[in-house]
Amino acid sequence: MMPVFRSGKGQAPQWCEMEYFDIVELPIGATHAYERVGQKEKLIVGKGECHISYDGQTIRAVEGDNLDLSTPDGRFVVLDVVADTTLVRMCGRWGDETGDSGLFTANKSDAPRDDGDPVDYFKETSFDSHYHDCDEYWIVFEGRGVVVSEGKSYEVGSGDCIATGMGHHHDFPRIFEPVKGVYFETTLQGEKRRGHLWNHTHGLAEPIVGRV
């Protein structure tokens, strides 16, 4: 199974801690109740504004907000949409000590800068080739481009998730339409270093062979 998959149960590679995701687009005035799917769940607001009830509280959620369920029976309920909203939910069985998560963009650059590890493929972005001390997931909700993961190139677009196992390099070198997405670095392992890691700065990557 290749590391690019779509929403739906059973679509993620077996090694993935993030076992399911969905992208929900909600217009002004809409409501939405999520059925609980995962042992753990995370919700990130890709764009827009809405009111969300979860874990006994109701909050105003805007672009970039990052919410986690803390109880095994909790769920997210969207009570009202103030501005057209995109929500990305991730479900699975990750540990308590995770890396970072949030929004990212990828765009063409007239003068690409690359602080990451050297690559032998064409690049038109300033995205860096890097690895992590954890698995990482990119979920694209706008745009199209080419990602590189484990040394292979994949054309991806809205609705795709790219799963990269711990220690494997990945990159977003080409863009056909400006990309917006969510990233989630799951359970930290090994030296448990956070952020982008590079061979030239942090030492040679030690990829987990089975996570491809």
C-alpha atoms as a PDB file:
ATOM      1  CA  MET A   1       0.000   0.000   0.000  1.00  0.00           C
ATOM      2  CA  MET A   2       1.443   3.371  -0.967  1.00  0.00           C
ATOM      3  CA  PRO A   3       1.655   6.189   1.606  1.00  0.00           C
ATOM      4  CA  VAL A   4      -0.978   8.382  -0.123  1.00  0.00           C
ATOM      5  CA  PHE A   5      -4.560   7.601   0.862  1.00  0.00           C
ATOM      6  CA  ARG A   6      -8.026   9.128   0.994  1.00  0.00           C
ATOM      7  CA  SER A   7     -10.638   9.478   3.709  1.00  0.00           C
ATOM      8  CA  GLY A   8     -12.437   6.316   4.790  1.00  0.00           C
ATOM      9  CA  LYS A   9     -12.076   3.434   7.205  1.00  0.00           C
ATOM     10  CA  GLY A  10      -9.358   0.957   6.280  1.00  0.00           C
ATOM     11  CA  GLN A  11      -7.621   3.313   3.814  1.00  0.00           C
ATOM     12  CA  ALA A  12      -4.507   4.100   5.892  1.00  0.00           C
ATOM     13  CA  PRO A  13      -1.468   1.780   5.750  1.00  0.00           C
ATOM     14  CA  GLN A  14      -1.512  -0.696   8.669  1.00  0.00           C
ATOM     15  CA  TRP A  15       1.484   0.885  10.412  1.00  0.00           C
ATOM     16  CA  CYS A  16      -0.193   4.306  10.717  1.00  0.00           C
ATOM     17  CA  GLU A  17      -1.121   5.680  14.141  1.00  0.00           C
ATOM     18  CA  MET A  18      -3.538   8.034  12.390  1.00  0.00           C
ATOM     19  CA  GLU A  19      -6.069   5.511  11.146  1.00  0.00           C
ATOM     20  CA  TYR A  20      -8.782   7.779   9.737  1.00  0.00           C
ATOM     21  CA  PHE A  21      -9.357  11.375   8.704  1.00  0.00           C
ATOM     22  CA  ASP A  22     -12.079  13.460   7.147  1.00  0.00           C
ATOM     23  CA  ILE A  23     -12.418  16.927   5.655  1.00  0.00           C
ATOM     24  CA  VAL A  24     -15.754  18.671   6.192  1.00  0.00           C
ATOM     25  CA  GLU A  25     -16.794  21.844   4.357  1.00  0.00           C
ATOM     26  CA  LEU A  26     -19.565  23.775   6.133  1.00  0.00           C
ATOM     27  CA  PRO A  27     -21.429  26.843   4.820  1.00  0.00           C
ATOM     28  CA  ILE A  28     -22.647  29.745   6.948  1.00  0.00           C
ATOM     29  CA  GLY A  29     -25.426  28.686   9.288  1.00  0.00           C
ATOM     30  CA  ALA A  30     -24.669  24.952   9.124  1.00  0.00           C
ATOM     31  CA  THR A  31     -24.331  22.545  12.052  1.00  0.00           C
ATOM     32  CA  HIS A  32     -22.500  19.223  12.190  1.00  0.00           C
ATOM     33  CA  ALA A  33     -22.142  16.410  14.746  1.00  0.00           C
ATOM     34  CA  TYR A  34     -19.192  14.016  14.451  1.00  0.00           C
ATOM     35  CA  GLU A  35     -19.627  10.334  15.191  1.00  0.00           C
ATOM     36  CA  ARG A  36     -16.752   9.161  17.405  1.00  0.00           C
ATOM     37  CA  VAL A  37     -14.367   7.060  15.312  1.00  0.00           C
ATOM     38  CA  GLY A  38     -10.934   6.890  16.973  1.00  0.00           C
ATOM     39  CA  GLN A  39      -9.427   6.092  20.337  1.00  0.00           C
ATOM     40  CA  LYS A  40      -8.052   9.623  20.088  1.00  0.00           C
ATOM     41  CA  GLU A  41      -9.297  12.481  17.934  1.00  0.00           C
ATOM     42  CA  LYS A  42      -7.953  15.875  16.850  1.00  0.00           C
ATOM     43  CA  LEU A  43      -9.730  18.652  14.951  1.00  0.00           C
ATOM     44  CA  ILE A  44      -8.006  21.531  13.136  1.00  0.00           C
ATOM     45  CA  VAL A  45      -9.812  24.498  11.587  1.00  0.00           C
ATOM     46  CA  GLY A  46      -8.431  24.884   8.055  1.00  0.00           C
ATOM     47  CA  LYS A  47     -10.332  28.113   7.406  1.00  0.00           C
ATOM     48  CA  GLY A  48     -13.419  29.996   8.509  1.00  0.00           C
ATOM     49  CA  GLU A  49     -15.121  30.507  11.857  1.00  0.00           C
ATOM     50  CA  CYS A  50     -17.593  28.431  13.839  1.00  0.00           C
ATOM     51  CA  HIS A  51     -18.691  27.497  17.353  1.00  0.00           C
ATOM     52  CA  ILE A  52     -17.694  24.020  18.528  1.00  0.00           C
ATOM     53  CA  SER A  53     -18.798  22.066  21.590  1.00  0.00           C
ATOM     54  CA  TYR A  54     -16.396  19.454  22.975  1.00  0.00           C
ATOM     55  CA  ASP A  55     -15.261  18.157  26.387  1.00  0.00           C
ATOM     56  CA  GLY A  56     -17.968  20.097  28.190  1.00  0.00           C
ATOM     57  CA  GLN A  57     -17.119  23.489  26.721  1.00  0.00           C
ATOM     58  CA  THR A  58     -18.171  25.625  23.775  1.00  0.00           C
ATOM     59  CA  ILE A  59     -15.604  27.760  21.971  1.00  0.00           C
ATOM     60  CA  ARG A  60     -15.372  30.130  19.037  1.00  0.00           C
ATOM     61  CA  ALA A  61     -13.014  28.364  16.640  1.00  0.00           C
ATOM     62  CA  VAL A  62     -11.138  30.141  13.852  1.00  0.00           C
ATOM     63  CA  GLU A  63      -8.524  29.269  11.239  1.00  0.00           C
ATOM     64  CA  GLY A  64      -5.589  27.445  12.806  1.00  0.00           C
ATOM     65  CA  ASP A  65      -7.328  26.379  16.019  1.00  0.00           C
ATOM     66  CA  ASN A  66      -6.270  22.913  17.121  1.00  0.00           C
ATOM     67  CA  LEU A  67      -8.585  20.878  19.393  1.00  0.00           C
ATOM     68  CA  ASP A  68      -8.111  17.482  21.065  1.00  0.00           C
ATOM     69  CA  LEU A  69     -10.654  15.249  22.767  1.00  0.00           C
ATOM     70  CA  SER A  70      -9.507  14.346  26.278  1.00  0.00           C
ATOM     71  CA  THR A  71     -12.174  11.773  27.207  1.00  0.00           C
ATOM     72  CA  PRO A  72     -12.773   8.353  25.596  1.00  0.00           C
ATOM     73  CA  ASP A  73     -16.438   9.135  24.918  1.00  0.00           C
ATOM     74  CA  GLY A  74     -16.104  12.791  23.875  1.00  0.00           C
ATOM     75  CA  ARG A  75     -17.055  14.107  20.463  1.00  0.00           C
ATOM     76  CA  PHE A  76     -17.011  17.313  18.455  1.00  0.00           C
ATOM     77  CA  VAL A  77     -20.258  19.121  17.662  1.00  0.00           C
ATOM     78  CA  VAL A  78     -20.358  22.191  15.414  1.00  0.00           C
ATOM     79  CA  LEU A  79     -23.190  24.359  16.748  1.00  0.00           C
ATOM     80  CA  ASP A  80     -23.065  27.215  14.262  1.00  0.00           C
ATOM     81  CA  VAL A  81     -20.950  28.301  11.297  1.00  0.00           C
ATOM     82  CA  VAL A  82     -20.223  32.039  11.193  1.00  0.00           C
ATOM     83  CA  ALA A  83     -18.096  32.021   8.011  1.00  0.00           C
ATOM     84  CA  ASP A  84     -17.632  29.242   5.444  1.00  0.00           C
ATOM     85  CA  THR A  85     -15.500  26.716   7.282  1.00  0.00           C
ATOM     86  CA  THR A  86     -13.171  23.801   6.484  1.00  0.00           C
ATOM     87  CA  LEU A  87     -12.566  21.317   9.312  1.00  0.00           C
ATOM     88  CA  VAL A  88      -9.984  18.522   9.227  1.00  0.00           C
ATOM     89  CA  ARG A  89     -10.449  15.707  11.761  1.00  0.00           C
ATOM     90  CA  MET A  90      -7.852  13.047  12.534  1.00  0.00           C
ATOM     91  CA  CYS A  91      -8.560   9.845  14.459  1.00  0.00           C
ATOM     92  CA  GLY A  92      -6.292   7.071  15.696  1.00  0.00           C
ATOM     93  CA  ARG A  93      -4.127   5.630  18.450  1.00  0.00           C
ATOM     94  CA  TRP A  94      -1.146   7.931  18.896  1.00  0.00           C
ATOM     95  CA  GLY A  95       0.648   8.294  22.238  1.00  0.00           C
ATOM     96  CA  ASP A  96       0.554  11.076  24.801  1.00  0.00           C
ATOM     97  CA  GLU A  97       3.858  12.676  23.736  1.00  0.00           C
ATOM     98  CA  THR A  98       3.451  13.883  20.168  1.00  0.00           C
ATOM     99  CA  GLY A  99       5.191  16.333  17.878  1.00  0.00           C
ATOM    100  CA  ASP A 100       3.572  19.432  16.440  1.00  0.00           C
ATOM    101  CA  SER A 101       0.392  19.898  14.414  1.00  0.00           C
ATOM    102  CA  GLY A 102      -1.197  22.769  12.541  1.00  0.00           C
ATOM    103  CA  LEU A 103      -1.608  24.345   9.119  1.00  0.00           C
ATOM    104  CA  PHE A 104       0.951  24.586   6.316  1.00  0.00           C
ATOM    105  CA  THR A 105       1.112  26.111   2.855  1.00  0.00           C
ATOM    106  CA  ALA A 106       3.232  25.282  -0.183  1.00  0.00           C
ATOM    107  CA  ASN A 107       3.708  27.701  -3.081  1.00  0.00           C
ATOM    108  CA  LYS A 108       5.940  28.230  -6.077  1.00  0.00           C
ATOM    109  CA  SER A 109       8.850  30.587  -5.476  1.00  0.00           C
ATOM    110  CA  ASP A 110      10.701  32.755  -8.000  1.00  0.00           C
ATOM    111  CA  ALA A 111      13.859  32.213  -5.978  1.00  0.00           C
ATOM    112  CA  PRO A 112      13.519  28.890  -4.111  1.00  0.00           C
ATOM    113  CA  ARG A 113      15.601  28.591  -0.951  1.00  0.00           C
ATOM    114  CA  ASP A 114      16.369  25.153   0.433  1.00  0.00           C
ATOM    115  CA  ASP A 115      17.794  24.787   3.928  1.00  0.00           C
ATOM    116  CA  GLY A 116      17.113  21.056   3.994  1.00  0.00           C
ATOM    117  CA  ASP A 117      19.125  18.085   2.831  1.00  0.00           C
ATOM    118  CA  PRO A 118      20.356  18.115  -0.806  1.00  0.00           C
ATOM    119  CA  VAL A 119      18.063  16.480  -3.374  1.00  0.00           C
ATOM    120  CA  ASP A 120      18.475  15.290  -6.970  1.00  0.00           C
ATOM    121  CA  TYR A 121      14.990  16.245  -8.213  1.00  0.00           C
ATOM    122  CA  PHE A 122      13.546  19.502  -9.556  1.00  0.00           C
ATOM    123  CA  LYS A 123      12.307  21.979  -6.945  1.00  0.00           C
ATOM    124  CA  GLU A 124      10.267  25.160  -7.333  1.00  0.00           C
ATOM    125  CA  THR A 125       9.370  25.719  -3.654  1.00  0.00           C
ATOM    126  CA  SER A 126      11.267  26.697  -0.516  1.00  0.00           C
ATOM    127  CA  PHE A 127       9.999  23.593   1.256  1.00  0.00           C
ATOM    128  CA  ASP A 128      12.886  21.621   2.779  1.00  0.00           C
ATOM    129  CA  SER A 129      13.673  17.919   2.519  1.00  0.00           C
ATOM    130  CA  HIS A 130      13.635  16.707   6.133  1.00  0.00           C
ATOM    131  CA  TYR A 131      12.856  13.827   8.497  1.00  0.00           C
ATOM    132  CA  HIS A 132      11.352  13.476  11.988  1.00  0.00           C
ATOM    133  CA  ASP A 133      11.652  11.489  15.203  1.00  0.00           C
ATOM    134  CA  CYS A 134       8.025  10.502  14.637  1.00  0.00           C
ATOM    135  CA  ASP A 135       5.607   9.682  11.853  1.00  0.00           C
ATOM    136  CA  GLU A 136       4.082  12.678  10.052  1.00  0.00           C
ATOM    137  CA  TYR A 137       0.849  13.136   8.109  1.00  0.00           C
ATOM    138  CA  TRP A 138       0.058  15.867   5.579  1.00  0.00           C
ATOM    139  CA  ILE A 139      -3.621  16.286   4.675  1.00  0.00           C
ATOM    140  CA  VAL A 140      -4.211  18.542   1.655  1.00  0.00           C
ATOM    141  CA  PHE A 141      -7.510  20.445   1.582  1.00  0.00           C
ATOM    142  CA  GLU A 142      -6.708  22.933  -1.201  1.00  0.00           C
ATOM    143  CA  GLY A 143      -4.454  22.873  -4.267  1.00  0.00           C
ATOM    144  CA  ARG A 144      -2.338  20.328  -6.140  1.00  0.00           C
ATOM    145  CA  GLY A 145       1.336  19.462  -6.362  1.00  0.00           C
ATOM    146  CA  VAL A 146       4.007  16.785  -6.103  1.00  0.00           C
ATOM    147  CA  VAL A 147       5.310  15.381  -2.833  1.00  0.00           C
ATOM    148  CA  VAL A 148       8.364  13.199  -2.324  1.00  0.00           C
ATOM    149  CA  SER A 149       8.233  10.592   0.442  1.00  0.00           C
ATOM    150  CA  GLU A 150      10.723   7.752   0.971  1.00  0.00           C
ATOM    151  CA  GLY A 151      12.447   8.790  -2.257  1.00  0.00           C
ATOM    152  CA  LYS A 152       9.328   8.391  -4.437  1.00  0.00           C
ATOM    153  CA  SER A 153       7.236  11.138  -6.063  1.00  0.00           C
ATOM    154  CA  TYR A 154       3.449  11.320  -5.824  1.00  0.00           C
ATOM    155  CA  GLU A 155       1.029  13.790  -7.402  1.00  0.00           C
ATOM    156  CA  VAL A 156      -1.462  14.858  -4.741  1.00  0.00           C
ATOM    157  CA  GLY A 157      -4.438  17.181  -4.389  1.00  0.00           C
ATOM    158  CA  SER A 158      -7.330  18.137  -2.175  1.00  0.00           C
ATOM    159  CA  GLY A 159      -8.533  15.167  -0.140  1.00  0.00           C
ATOM    160  CA  ASP A 160      -5.206  13.310  -0.116  1.00  0.00           C
ATOM    161  CA  CYS A 161      -3.246  12.334   2.990  1.00  0.00           C
ATOM    162  CA  ILE A 162       0.488  11.611   2.758  1.00  0.00           C
ATOM    163  CA  ALA A 163       1.868   9.397   5.533  1.00  0.00           C
ATOM    164  CA  THR A 164       5.630   9.423   6.118  1.00  0.00           C
ATOM    165  CA  GLY A 165       7.167   7.057   8.654  1.00  0.00           C
ATOM    166  CA  MET A 166       9.726   8.043  11.273  1.00  0.00           C
ATOM    167  CA  GLY A 167      13.171   8.773   9.834  1.00  0.00           C
ATOM    168  CA  HIS A 168      12.080   8.904   6.195  1.00  0.00           C
ATOM    169  CA  HIS A 169      12.753  12.113   4.264  1.00  0.00           C
ATOM    170  CA  HIS A 170       9.868  13.981   2.687  1.00  0.00           C
ATOM    171  CA  ASP A 171       9.413  17.189   0.715  1.00  0.00           C
ATOM    172  CA  PHE A 172       6.884  19.237  -1.289  1.00  0.00           C
ATOM    173  CA  PRO A 173       9.016  20.302  -4.280  1.00  0.00           C
ATOM    174  CA  ARG A 174       6.450  21.134  -7.004  1.00  0.00           C
ATOM    175  CA  ILE A 175       3.171  23.045  -7.035  1.00  0.00           C
ATOM    176  CA  PHE A 176       0.449  23.110  -9.716  1.00  0.00           C
ATOM    177  CA  GLU A 177      -2.045  25.104  -7.601  1.00  0.00           C
ATOM    178  CA  PRO A 178      -1.192  26.771  -4.251  1.00  0.00           C
ATOM    179  CA  VAL A 179      -1.491  24.182  -1.491  1.00  0.00           C
ATOM    180  CA  LYS A 180      -3.065  24.482   1.935  1.00  0.00           C
ATOM    181  CA  GLY A 181      -3.015  21.570   4.315  1.00  0.00           C
ATOM    182  CA  VAL A 182      -2.799  20.204   7.831  1.00  0.00           C
ATOM    183  CA  TYR A 183       0.246  18.493   9.303  1.00  0.00           C
ATOM    184  CA  PHE A 184       0.311  16.169  12.311  1.00  0.00           C
ATOM    185  CA  GLU A 185       3.451  14.663  13.851  1.00  0.00           C
ATOM    186  CA  THR A 186       2.330  11.722  15.984  1.00  0.00           C
ATOM    187  CA  THR A 187       4.124   9.849  18.797  1.00  0.00           C
ATOM    188  CA  LEU A 188       7.708  11.021  19.372  1.00  0.00           C
ATOM    189  CA  GLN A 189      10.235   8.175  19.371  1.00  0.00           C
ATOM    190  CA  GLY A 190      13.998   7.645  19.516  1.00  0.00           C
ATOM    191  CA  GLU A 191      15.676  10.886  20.591  1.00  0.00           C
ATOM    192  CA  LYS A 192      12.246  12.578  20.562  1.00  0.00           C
ATOM    193  CA  ARG A 193      13.531  15.718  18.856  1.00  0.00           C
ATOM    194  CA  ARG A 194      10.857  18.115  17.642  1.00  0.00           C
ATOM    195  CA  GLY A 195      10.610  19.844  14.303  1.00  0.00           C
ATOM    196  CA  HIS A 196      12.380  19.365  10.967  1.00  0.00           C
ATOM    197  CA  LEU A 197      15.575  17.311  11.178  1.00  0.00           C
ATOM    198  CA  TRP A 198      18.362  17.243   8.570  1.00  0.00           C
ATOM    199  CA  ASN A 199      21.279  14.885   7.975  1.00  0.00           C
ATOM    200  CA  HIS A 200      23.669  17.843   7.686  1.00  0.00           C
ATOM    201  CA  THR A 201      22.679  19.279  11.083  1.00  0.00           C
ATOM    202  CA  HIS A 202      21.159  16.572  13.276  1.00  0.00           C
ATOM    203  CA  GLY A 203      22.912  13.420  12.086  1.00  0.00           C
ATOM    204  CA  LEU A 204      21.940  10.754   9.586  1.00  0.00           C
ATOM    205  CA  ALA A 205      18.304   9.732   9.533  1.00  0.00           C
ATOM    206  CA  GLU A 206      17.490   6.230  10.755  1.00  0.00           C
ATOM    207  CA  PRO A 207      14.264   5.360   8.940  1.00  0.00           C
ATOM    208  CA  ILE A 208      12.008   2.587  10.204  1.00  0.00           C
ATOM    209  CA  VAL A 209      11.993   0.244   7.217  1.00  0.00           C
ATOM    210  CA  GLY A 210       8.487  -1.143   7.699  1.00  0.00           C
ATOM    211  CA  ARG A 211       6.820   2.266   7.696  1.00  0.00           C
ATOM    212  CA  VAL A 212       6.447   2.794   3.957  1.00  0.00           C
END
